[in-house]
Amino acid sequence: MNSAKEIIETFWRIQDEGDYTKVVALFAEDAVLVDPFFGTFKGKAAIGEFMKKMNAEMGARQTSFVVREIDGGGDVAWAQWTAKTPAGEIDGCGLYRVRDGLMTYYKDYMNAPNSG
């Protein structure tokens, strides 16, 4: 069984390809995703719809994410990341819980935007 850290490393590799909908396969049917801008999504189907929205929103906003560090053990992992936007960079982190090789919980936190 893959550790939470390994699952999250896979999540970021897929996300870096630019199609957020491809990460949906990593979520459990009863997963919960909490996004600080768009709200809470319960269940794999709702997360899938959110990821479609992310494809459109991040393209329109010219925003991309760069992972800085991933760590964790057992069924919990975290990642530090930077969102690169036309207005500057925003640092944040994600908290993740994994069960049976699938993500069951994902919540992002972020700092106020940097201006340069």
Protein backbone atom coordinates (compact mmCIF):
# COMPACT_ATOMS: atom_id res chain seq x y z
CA MET A 1 0.00 0.00 0.00
CA ASN A 2 1.33 3.43 -0.91
CA SER A 3 1.94 5.91 1.90
CA ALA A 4 0.13 9.24 2.04
CA LYS A 5 3.36 10.95 0.98
CA GLU A 6 3.63 8.76 -2.13
CA ILE A 7 -0.02 9.40 -3.07
CA ILE A 8 0.47 13.17 -2.71
CA GLU A 9 3.66 13.06 -4.78
CA THR A 10 1.59 11.35 -7.49
CA PHE A 11 -1.16 13.98 -7.07
CA TRP A 12 1.34 16.79 -7.70
CA ARG A 13 2.94 15.01 -10.69
CA ILE A 14 -0.49 14.69 -12.30
CA GLN A 15 -1.52 18.24 -11.40
CA ASP A 16 1.70 19.59 -12.95
CA GLU A 17 0.52 18.21 -16.31
CA GLY A 18 -2.17 20.92 -16.23
CA ASP A 19 -5.38 18.84 -16.31
CA TYR A 20 -6.86 18.85 -12.82
CA THR A 21 -9.54 16.31 -13.75
CA LYS A 22 -6.86 13.59 -13.90
CA VAL A 23 -6.30 13.80 -10.12
CA VAL A 24 -9.89 12.73 -9.42
CA ALA A 25 -8.89 9.07 -9.73
CA LEU A 26 -6.81 9.51 -6.56
CA PHE A 27 -9.87 10.40 -4.42
CA ALA A 28 -12.06 7.97 -2.47
CA GLU A 29 -15.81 8.00 -3.20
CA ASP A 30 -16.49 9.68 0.18
CA ALA A 31 -13.60 12.18 0.02
CA VAL A 32 -13.90 15.79 1.15
CA LEU A 33 -11.98 18.64 -0.48
CA VAL A 34 -11.90 22.10 1.12
CA ASP A 35 -10.75 24.99 -1.06
CA PRO A 36 -10.32 28.46 0.54
CA PHE A 37 -11.85 30.23 -2.50
CA PHE A 38 -14.45 27.84 -3.88
CA GLY A 39 -15.72 26.03 -0.78
CA THR A 40 -16.19 22.42 0.32
CA PHE A 41 -16.82 19.52 -2.04
CA LYS A 42 -18.10 16.22 -0.67
CA GLY A 43 -17.76 13.03 -2.69
CA LYS A 44 -15.74 12.04 -5.71
CA ALA A 45 -18.37 13.29 -8.19
CA ALA A 46 -18.44 16.79 -6.64
CA ILE A 47 -14.64 16.87 -6.54
CA GLY A 48 -14.62 15.93 -10.23
CA GLU A 49 -16.90 18.86 -11.07
CA PHE A 50 -14.68 21.17 -9.02
CA MET A 51 -11.59 19.96 -10.90
CA LYS A 52 -13.29 20.80 -14.22
CA LYS A 53 -13.88 24.29 -12.82
CA MET A 54 -10.22 24.48 -11.74
CA ASN A 55 -9.10 23.77 -15.32
CA ALA A 56 -11.11 26.75 -16.56
CA GLU A 57 -10.39 29.10 -13.63
CA MET A 58 -6.64 28.58 -13.42
CA GLY A 59 -6.29 29.00 -17.19
CA ALA A 60 -8.36 32.19 -17.17
CA ARG A 61 -6.42 33.54 -14.17
CA GLN A 62 -3.05 32.51 -15.67
CA THR A 63 -2.27 30.76 -12.41
CA SER A 64 -0.10 27.72 -11.87
CA PHE A 65 1.14 25.91 -8.78
CA VAL A 66 4.64 24.79 -7.87
CA VAL A 67 5.15 22.30 -5.06
CA ARG A 68 8.04 23.19 -2.73
CA GLU A 69 8.04 20.26 -0.32
CA ILE A 70 5.97 17.15 0.41
CA ASP A 71 6.26 15.10 3.58
CA GLY A 72 4.24 12.94 5.91
CA GLY A 73 3.90 9.47 7.26
CA GLY A 74 1.25 6.81 7.53
CA ASP A 75 -2.10 8.13 6.39
CA VAL A 76 -1.34 11.88 6.62
CA ALA A 77 0.78 14.12 4.40
CA TRP A 78 1.29 17.81 3.72
CA ALA A 79 2.70 19.90 0.91
CA GLN A 80 4.06 23.43 0.78
CA TRP A 81 3.37 25.13 -2.54
CA THR A 82 3.45 28.46 -4.34
CA ALA A 83 0.74 29.77 -6.65
CA LYS A 84 2.24 31.86 -9.44
CA THR A 85 -0.17 34.54 -10.64
CA PRO A 86 0.17 37.65 -12.84
CA ALA A 87 -0.20 39.74 -9.65
CA GLY A 88 2.54 37.90 -7.76
CA GLU A 89 3.14 34.72 -5.80
CA ILE A 90 1.00 33.24 -3.05
CA ASP A 91 2.46 30.68 -0.66
CA GLY A 92 0.27 27.97 0.78
CA CYS A 93 0.07 24.44 2.05
CA GLY A 94 -2.20 21.46 1.63
CA LEU A 95 -3.14 18.90 4.26
CA TYR A 96 -4.09 15.42 3.08
CA ARG A 97 -5.46 12.21 4.59
CA VAL A 98 -5.24 8.91 2.71
CA ARG A 99 -7.02 5.60 3.31
CA ASP A 100 -6.42 2.41 1.35
CA GLY A 101 -4.33 4.26 -1.23
CA LEU A 102 -6.94 6.97 -1.92
CA MET A 103 -7.28 10.55 -0.71
CA THR A 104 -10.13 10.99 1.77
CA TYR A 105 -9.47 14.59 2.85
CA TYR A 106 -7.70 17.54 1.24
CA LYS A 107 -7.66 21.11 2.56
CA ASP A 108 -5.61 24.05 1.28
CA TYR A 109 -4.46 27.05 3.29
CA MET A 110 -2.74 30.09 1.85
CA ASN A 111 -1.05 33.33 2.84
CA ALA A 112 -2.00 36.78 1.60
CA PRO A 113 -0.57 37.46 -1.90
CA ASN A 114 2.99 38.75 -2.25
CA SER A 115 3.35 41.69 -4.60
CA GLY A 116 6.59 40.65 -6.16
